[in-house]
Amino acid sequence: MATVSNWIDHLSASEVAGAVYPGVGSEGILVIVGIVIWIGWHVVSSMQESNKMNDIARRRPGKDDWKSNTPDW
């Protein structure tokens, strides 16, 4: 096993020159994809919660309806 004493010389050597890890250059695209997925998840989650709350409000439950403990599904 070879030892490395100077990383700059090691990474600029002809046998190592190039990408140090796979996927070099795709970080920006992956960050953008992650942000889009994150925002999309928040939008979908908000829509589902709003629909659920609107359904509950439409039924107009009374103050003692929680005592029956029967699910709506």
PDB file of N, CA and C in Angstrom:
ATOM      1  N   MET A   1       0.835  -1.159   0.000  1.00  0.00           N
ATOM      2  CA  MET A   1       0.000   0.000   0.000  1.00  0.00           C
ATOM      3  C   MET A   1       0.891   1.236   0.000  1.00  0.00           C
ATOM      4  N   ALA A   2       0.567   2.164  -0.866  1.00  0.00           N
ATOM      5  CA  ALA A   2       1.368   3.380  -0.975  1.00  0.00           C
ATOM      6  C   ALA A   2       0.931   4.395   0.067  1.00  0.00           C
ATOM      7  N   THR A   3       1.903   5.161   0.527  1.00  0.00           N
ATOM      8  CA  THR A   3       1.580   6.232   1.460  1.00  0.00           C
ATOM      9  C   THR A   3       1.621   7.551   0.706  1.00  0.00           C
ATOM     10  N   VAL A   4       0.778   8.466   1.106  1.00  0.00           N
ATOM     11  CA  VAL A   4       0.691   9.774   0.453  1.00  0.00           C
ATOM     12  C   VAL A   4       1.157  10.822   1.447  1.00  0.00           C
ATOM     13  N   SER A   5       2.179  11.569   1.063  1.00  0.00           N
ATOM     14  CA  SER A   5       2.679  12.612   1.951  1.00  0.00           C
ATOM     15  C   SER A   5       2.246  13.997   1.487  1.00  0.00           C
ATOM     16  N   ASN A   6       1.897  14.129   0.201  1.00  0.00           N
ATOM     17  CA  ASN A   6       1.482  15.420  -0.330  1.00  0.00           C
ATOM     18  C   ASN A   6       0.283  15.191  -1.249  1.00  0.00           C
ATOM     19  N   TRP A   7      -0.897  15.603  -0.815  1.00  0.00           N
ATOM     20  CA  TRP A   7      -2.126  15.355  -1.596  1.00  0.00           C
ATOM     21  C   TRP A   7      -2.129  16.102  -2.921  1.00  0.00           C
ATOM     22  N   ILE A   8      -1.556  17.273  -2.984  1.00  0.00           N
ATOM     23  CA  ILE A   8      -1.544  18.043  -4.234  1.00  0.00           C
ATOM     24  C   ILE A   8      -0.748  17.302  -5.299  1.00  0.00           C
ATOM     25  N   ASP A   9       0.402  16.798  -4.937  1.00  0.00           N
ATOM     26  CA  ASP A   9       1.191  16.026  -5.901  1.00  0.00           C
ATOM     27  C   ASP A   9       0.486  14.718  -6.253  1.00  0.00           C
ATOM     28  N   HIS A  10      -0.147  14.111  -5.284  1.00  0.00           N
ATOM     29  CA  HIS A  10      -0.824  12.838  -5.532  1.00  0.00           C
ATOM     30  C   HIS A  10      -2.003  13.014  -6.495  1.00  0.00           C
ATOM     31  N   LEU A  11      -2.835  14.030  -6.294  1.00  0.00           N
ATOM     32  CA  LEU A  11      -4.013  14.223  -7.133  1.00  0.00           C
ATOM     33  C   LEU A  11      -3.676  14.763  -8.512  1.00  0.00           C
ATOM     34  N   SER A  12      -2.516  15.378  -8.652  1.00  0.00           N
ATOM     35  CA  SER A  12      -2.128  15.882  -9.970  1.00  0.00           C
ATOM     36  C   SER A  12      -1.276  14.873 -10.737  1.00  0.00           C
ATOM     37  N   ALA A  13      -1.014  13.726 -10.174  1.00  0.00           N
ATOM     38  CA  ALA A  13      -0.239  12.687 -10.863  1.00  0.00           C
ATOM     39  C   ALA A  13      -1.042  12.145 -12.036  1.00  0.00           C
ATOM     40  N   SER A  14      -0.361  11.675 -13.039  1.00  0.00           N
ATOM     41  CA  SER A  14      -1.029  11.233 -14.269  1.00  0.00           C
ATOM     42  C   SER A  14      -1.948  10.038 -14.046  1.00  0.00           C
ATOM     43  N   GLU A  15      -1.592   9.136 -13.159  1.00  0.00           N
ATOM     44  CA  GLU A  15      -2.445   7.959 -12.944  1.00  0.00           C
ATOM     45  C   GLU A  15      -3.672   8.255 -12.085  1.00  0.00           C
ATOM     46  N   VAL A  16      -3.718   9.404 -11.416  1.00  0.00           N
ATOM     47  CA  VAL A  16      -4.857   9.749 -10.565  1.00  0.00           C
ATOM     48  C   VAL A  16      -5.641  10.920 -11.145  1.00  0.00           C
ATOM     49  N   ALA A  17      -5.115  11.618 -12.129  1.00  0.00           N
ATOM     50  CA  ALA A  17      -5.745  12.822 -12.658  1.00  0.00           C
ATOM     51  C   ALA A  17      -7.149  12.526 -13.146  1.00  0.00           C
ATOM     52  N   GLY A  18      -8.060  13.408 -12.815  1.00  0.00           N
ATOM     53  CA  GLY A  18      -9.455  13.243 -13.204  1.00  0.00           C
ATOM     54  C   GLY A  18     -10.345  13.276 -11.982  1.00  0.00           C
ATOM     55  N   ALA A  19     -11.460  12.647 -12.104  1.00  0.00           N
ATOM     56  CA  ALA A  19     -12.439  12.655 -11.026  1.00  0.00           C
ATOM     57  C   ALA A  19     -11.928  11.878  -9.815  1.00  0.00           C
ATOM     58  N   VAL A  20     -12.111  12.446  -8.658  1.00  0.00           N
ATOM     59  CA  VAL A  20     -11.677  11.798  -7.427  1.00  0.00           C
ATOM     60  C   VAL A  20     -12.783  10.884  -6.906  1.00  0.00           C
ATOM     61  N   TYR A  21     -14.041  11.214  -7.234  1.00  0.00           N
ATOM     62  CA  TYR A  21     -15.183  10.390  -6.815  1.00  0.00           C
ATOM     63  C   TYR A  21     -16.207  10.382  -7.956  1.00  0.00           C
ATOM     64  N   PRO A  22     -17.058   9.384  -8.014  1.00  0.00           N
ATOM     65  CA  PRO A  22     -18.038   9.315  -9.108  1.00  0.00           C
ATOM     66  C   PRO A  22     -19.098  10.398  -8.974  1.00  0.00           C
ATOM     67  N   GLY A  23     -19.578  10.887 -10.094  1.00  0.00           N
ATOM     68  CA  GLY A  23     -20.633  11.897 -10.090  1.00  0.00           C
ATOM     69  C   GLY A  23     -20.137  13.311  -9.927  1.00  0.00           C
ATOM     70  N   VAL A  24     -18.877  13.565 -10.221  1.00  0.00           N
ATOM     71  CA  VAL A  24     -18.337  14.914 -10.094  1.00  0.00           C
ATOM     72  C   VAL A  24     -19.061  15.830 -11.072  1.00  0.00           C
ATOM     73  N   GLY A  25     -19.534  16.952 -10.580  1.00  0.00           N
ATOM     74  CA  GLY A  25     -20.229  17.921 -11.408  1.00  0.00           C
ATOM     75  C   GLY A  25     -21.742  17.813 -11.318  1.00  0.00           C
ATOM     76  N   SER A  26     -22.248  16.781 -10.673  1.00  0.00           N
ATOM     77  CA  SER A  26     -23.697  16.622 -10.592  1.00  0.00           C
ATOM     78  C   SER A  26     -24.262  17.152  -9.276  1.00  0.00           C
ATOM     79  N   GLU A  27     -23.449  17.747  -8.441  1.00  0.00           N
ATOM     80  CA  GLU A  27     -23.919  18.204  -7.133  1.00  0.00           C
ATOM     81  C   GLU A  27     -24.976  19.285  -7.270  1.00  0.00           C
ATOM     82  N   GLY A  28     -24.765  20.220  -8.166  1.00  0.00           N
ATOM     83  CA  GLY A  28     -25.732  21.313  -8.365  1.00  0.00           C
ATOM     84  C   GLY A  28     -27.085  20.793  -8.803  1.00  0.00           C
ATOM     85  N   ILE A  29     -27.072  19.845  -9.722  1.00  0.00           N
ATOM     86  CA  ILE A  29     -28.327  19.261 -10.211  1.00  0.00           C
ATOM     87  C   ILE A  29     -29.018  18.507  -9.075  1.00  0.00           C
ATOM     88  N   LEU A  30     -28.260  17.764  -8.293  1.00  0.00           N
ATOM     89  CA  LEU A  30     -28.850  17.015  -7.179  1.00  0.00           C
ATOM     90  C   LEU A  30     -29.432  17.944  -6.121  1.00  0.00           C
ATOM     91  N   VAL A  31     -28.790  19.068  -5.867  1.00  0.00           N
ATOM     92  CA  VAL A  31     -29.319  20.036  -4.907  1.00  0.00           C
ATOM     93  C   VAL A  31     -30.634  20.612  -5.421  1.00  0.00           C
ATOM     94  N   ILE A  32     -30.684  20.966  -6.703  1.00  0.00           N
ATOM     95  CA  ILE A  32     -31.914  21.506  -7.290  1.00  0.00           C
ATOM     96  C   ILE A  32     -33.031  20.472  -7.238  1.00  0.00           C
ATOM     97  N   VAL A  33     -32.731  19.230  -7.572  1.00  0.00           N
ATOM     98  CA  VAL A  33     -33.735  18.164  -7.505  1.00  0.00           C
ATOM     99  C   VAL A  33     -34.221  17.987  -6.070  1.00  0.00           C
ATOM    100  N   GLY A  34     -33.318  18.017  -5.113  1.00  0.00           N
ATOM    101  CA  GLY A  34     -33.700  17.886  -3.711  1.00  0.00           C
ATOM    102  C   GLY A  34     -34.604  19.020  -3.251  1.00  0.00           C
ATOM    103  N   ILE A  35     -34.297  20.239  -3.658  1.00  0.00           N
ATOM    104  CA  ILE A  35     -35.128  21.387  -3.275  1.00  0.00           C
ATOM    105  C   ILE A  35     -36.510  21.281  -3.905  1.00  0.00           C
ATOM    106  N   VAL A  36     -36.577  20.873  -5.167  1.00  0.00           N
ATOM    107  CA  VAL A  36     -37.873  20.706  -5.837  1.00  0.00           C
ATOM    108  C   VAL A  36     -38.700  19.637  -5.132  1.00  0.00           C
ATOM    109  N   ILE A  37     -38.095  18.521  -4.780  1.00  0.00           N
ATOM    110  CA  ILE A  37     -38.809  17.455  -4.063  1.00  0.00           C
ATOM    111  C   ILE A  37     -39.268  17.957  -2.696  1.00  0.00           C
ATOM    112  N   TRP A  38     -38.436  18.710  -2.000  1.00  0.00           N
ATOM    113  CA  TRP A  38     -38.771  19.236  -0.686  1.00  0.00           C
ATOM    114  C   TRP A  38     -39.967  20.188  -0.758  1.00  0.00           C
ATOM    115  N   ILE A  39     -39.937  21.119  -1.712  1.00  0.00           N
ATOM    116  CA  ILE A  39     -41.051  22.063  -1.883  1.00  0.00           C
ATOM    117  C   ILE A  39     -42.306  21.319  -2.311  1.00  0.00           C
ATOM    118  N   GLY A  40     -42.172  20.363  -3.230  1.00  0.00           N
ATOM    119  CA  GLY A  40     -43.325  19.575  -3.666  1.00  0.00           C
ATOM    120  C   GLY A  40     -43.948  18.808  -2.518  1.00  0.00           C
ATOM    121  N   TRP A  41     -43.131  18.247  -1.645  1.00  0.00           N
ATOM    122  CA  TRP A  41     -43.649  17.516  -0.490  1.00  0.00           C
ATOM    123  C   TRP A  41     -44.449  18.441   0.414  1.00  0.00           C
ATOM    124  N   HIS A  42     -43.954  19.661   0.619  1.00  0.00           N
ATOM    125  CA  HIS A  42     -44.679  20.615   1.452  1.00  0.00           C
ATOM    126  C   HIS A  42     -46.006  21.007   0.818  1.00  0.00           C
ATOM    127  N   VAL A  43     -46.030  21.207  -0.493  1.00  0.00           N
ATOM    128  CA  VAL A  43     -47.269  21.579  -1.184  1.00  0.00           C
ATOM    129  C   VAL A  43     -48.290  20.452  -1.079  1.00  0.00           C
ATOM    130  N   VAL A  44     -47.872  19.220  -1.359  1.00  0.00           N
ATOM    131  CA  VAL A  44     -48.788  18.076  -1.298  1.00  0.00           C
ATOM    132  C   VAL A  44     -49.292  17.879   0.125  1.00  0.00           C
ATOM    133  N   SER A  45     -48.405  17.967   1.096  1.00  0.00           N
ATOM    134  CA  SER A  45     -48.790  17.806   2.492  1.00  0.00           C
ATOM    135  C   SER A  45     -49.790  18.879   2.912  1.00  0.00           C
ATOM    136  N   SER A  46     -49.556  20.104   2.510  1.00  0.00           N
ATOM    137  CA  SER A  46     -50.466  21.202   2.846  1.00  0.00           C
ATOM    138  C   SER A  46     -51.843  20.994   2.213  1.00  0.00           C
ATOM    139  N   MET A  47     -51.872  20.547   0.969  1.00  0.00           N
ATOM    140  CA  MET A  47     -53.153  20.295   0.303  1.00  0.00           C
ATOM    141  C   MET A  47     -53.926  19.181   0.995  1.00  0.00           C
ATOM    142  N   GLN A  48     -53.239  18.108   1.381  1.00  0.00           N
ATOM    143  CA  GLN A  48     -53.906  17.000   2.060  1.00  0.00           C
ATOM    144  C   GLN A  48     -54.448  17.437   3.422  1.00  0.00           C
ATOM    145  N   GLU A  49     -53.677  18.215   4.158  1.00  0.00           N
ATOM    146  CA  GLU A  49     -54.136  18.681   5.453  1.00  0.00           C
ATOM    147  C   GLU A  49     -55.316  19.628   5.305  1.00  0.00           C
ATOM    148  N   SER A  50     -55.290  20.501   4.302  1.00  0.00           N
ATOM    149  CA  SER A  50     -56.401  21.417   4.072  1.00  0.00           C
ATOM    150  C   SER A  50     -57.674  20.660   3.711  1.00  0.00           C
ATOM    151  N   ASN A  51     -57.545  19.643   2.866  1.00  0.00           N
ATOM    152  CA  ASN A  51     -58.708  18.838   2.496  1.00  0.00           C
ATOM    153  C   ASN A  51     -59.288  18.130   3.713  1.00  0.00           C
ATOM    154  N   LYS A  52     -58.435  17.585   4.567  1.00  0.00           N
ATOM    155  CA  LYS A  52     -58.894  16.896   5.767  1.00  0.00           C
ATOM    156  C   LYS A  52     -59.610  17.867   6.699  1.00  0.00           C
ATOM    157  N   MET A  53     -59.053  19.038   6.899  1.00  0.00           N
ATOM    158  CA  MET A  53     -59.682  20.028   7.774  1.00  0.00           C
ATOM    159  C   MET A  53     -60.999  20.530   7.193  1.00  0.00           C
ATOM    160  N   ASN A  54     -61.068  20.697   5.868  1.00  0.00           N
ATOM    161  CA  ASN A  54     -62.325  21.118   5.237  1.00  0.00           C
ATOM    162  C   ASN A  54     -63.397  20.053   5.402  1.00  0.00           C
ATOM    163  N   ASP A  55     -63.022  18.790   5.294  1.00  0.00           N
ATOM    164  CA  ASP A  55     -63.987  17.703   5.503  1.00  0.00           C
ATOM    165  C   ASP A  55     -64.517  17.721   6.934  1.00  0.00           C
ATOM    166  N   ILE A  56     -63.637  17.916   7.889  1.00  0.00           N
ATOM    167  CA  ILE A  56     -64.063  17.964   9.291  1.00  0.00           C
ATOM    168  C   ILE A  56     -64.969  19.168   9.531  1.00  0.00           C
ATOM    169  N   ALA A  57     -64.606  20.316   8.961  1.00  0.00           N
ATOM    170  CA  ALA A  57     -65.409  21.524   9.145  1.00  0.00           C
ATOM    171  C   ALA A  57     -66.773  21.379   8.475  1.00  0.00           C
ATOM    172  N   ARG A  58     -66.834  20.682   7.344  1.00  0.00           N
ATOM    173  CA  ARG A  58     -68.097  20.490   6.634  1.00  0.00           C
ATOM    174  C   ARG A  58     -69.059  19.627   7.457  1.00  0.00           C
ATOM    175  N   ARG A  59     -68.542  18.672   8.203  1.00  0.00           N
ATOM    176  CA  ARG A  59     -69.378  17.794   9.023  1.00  0.00           C
ATOM    177  C   ARG A  59     -69.888  18.510  10.270  1.00  0.00           C
ATOM    178  N   ARG A  60     -69.227  19.578  10.662  1.00  0.00           N
ATOM    179  CA  ARG A  60     -69.588  20.357  11.840  1.00  0.00           C
ATOM    180  C   ARG A  60     -69.806  19.478  13.064  1.00  0.00           C
ATOM    181  N   PRO A  61     -68.729  18.834  13.530  1.00  0.00           N
ATOM    182  CA  PRO A  61     -68.881  17.959  14.696  1.00  0.00           C
ATOM    183  C   PRO A  61     -69.239  18.756  15.952  1.00  0.00           C
ATOM    184  N   GLY A  62     -70.013  18.137  16.800  1.00  0.00           N
ATOM    185  CA  GLY A  62     -70.382  18.771  18.067  1.00  0.00           C
ATOM    186  C   GLY A  62     -69.262  18.649  19.084  1.00  0.00           C
ATOM    187  N   LYS A  63     -69.456  19.299  20.209  1.00  0.00           N
ATOM    188  CA  LYS A  63     -68.394  19.315  21.218  1.00  0.00           C
ATOM    189  C   LYS A  63     -68.183  17.962  21.879  1.00  0.00           C
ATOM    190  N   ASP A  64     -69.159  17.047  21.822  1.00  0.00           N
ATOM    191  CA  ASP A  64     -69.030  15.750  22.465  1.00  0.00           C
ATOM    192  C   ASP A  64     -68.848  14.603  21.470  1.00  0.00           C
ATOM    193  N   ASP A  65     -68.681  14.904  20.186  1.00  0.00           N
ATOM    194  CA  ASP A  65     -68.536  13.846  19.178  1.00  0.00           C
ATOM    195  C   ASP A  65     -67.260  13.029  19.345  1.00  0.00           C
ATOM    196  N   TRP A  66     -66.244  13.586  19.944  1.00  0.00           N
ATOM    197  CA  TRP A  66     -64.986  12.843  20.116  1.00  0.00           C
ATOM    198  C   TRP A  66     -65.156  11.686  21.085  1.00  0.00           C
ATOM    199  N   LYS A  67     -66.197  11.702  21.892  1.00  0.00           N
ATOM    200  CA  LYS A  67     -66.402  10.663  22.890  1.00  0.00           C
ATOM    201  C   LYS A  67     -66.851   9.334  22.283  1.00  0.00           C
ATOM    202  N   SER A  68     -67.458   9.379  21.098  1.00  0.00           N
ATOM    203  CA  SER A  68     -67.939   8.142  20.479  1.00  0.00           C
ATOM    204  C   SER A  68     -66.777   7.277  19.993  1.00  0.00           C
ATOM    205  N   ASN A  69     -65.659   7.892  19.680  1.00  0.00           N
ATOM    206  CA  ASN A  69     -64.430   7.187  19.309  1.00  0.00           C
ATOM    207  C   ASN A  69     -64.630   6.226  18.140  1.00  0.00           C
ATOM    208  N   THR A  70     -65.371   6.635  17.130  1.00  0.00           N
ATOM    209  CA  THR A  70     -65.536   5.819  15.932  1.00  0.00           C
ATOM    210  C   THR A  70     -64.853   6.521  14.765  1.00  0.00           C
ATOM    211  N   PRO A  71     -63.999   5.821  14.068  1.00  0.00           N
ATOM    212  CA  PRO A  71     -63.295   6.459  12.946  1.00  0.00           C
ATOM    213  C   PRO A  71     -64.234   6.700  11.767  1.00  0.00           C
ATOM    214  N   ASP A  72     -63.869   7.667  10.935  1.00  0.00           N
ATOM    215  CA  ASP A  72     -64.688   8.037   9.778  1.00  0.00           C
ATOM    216  C   ASP A  72     -64.369   7.236   8.536  1.00  0.00           C
ATOM    217  N   TRP A  73     -63.354   6.431   8.562  1.00  0.00           N
ATOM    218  CA  TRP A  73     -63.002   5.711   7.353  1.00  0.00           C
ATOM    219  C   TRP A  73     -63.795   4.471   7.279  1.00  0.00           C
TER     220      TRP A  73
END
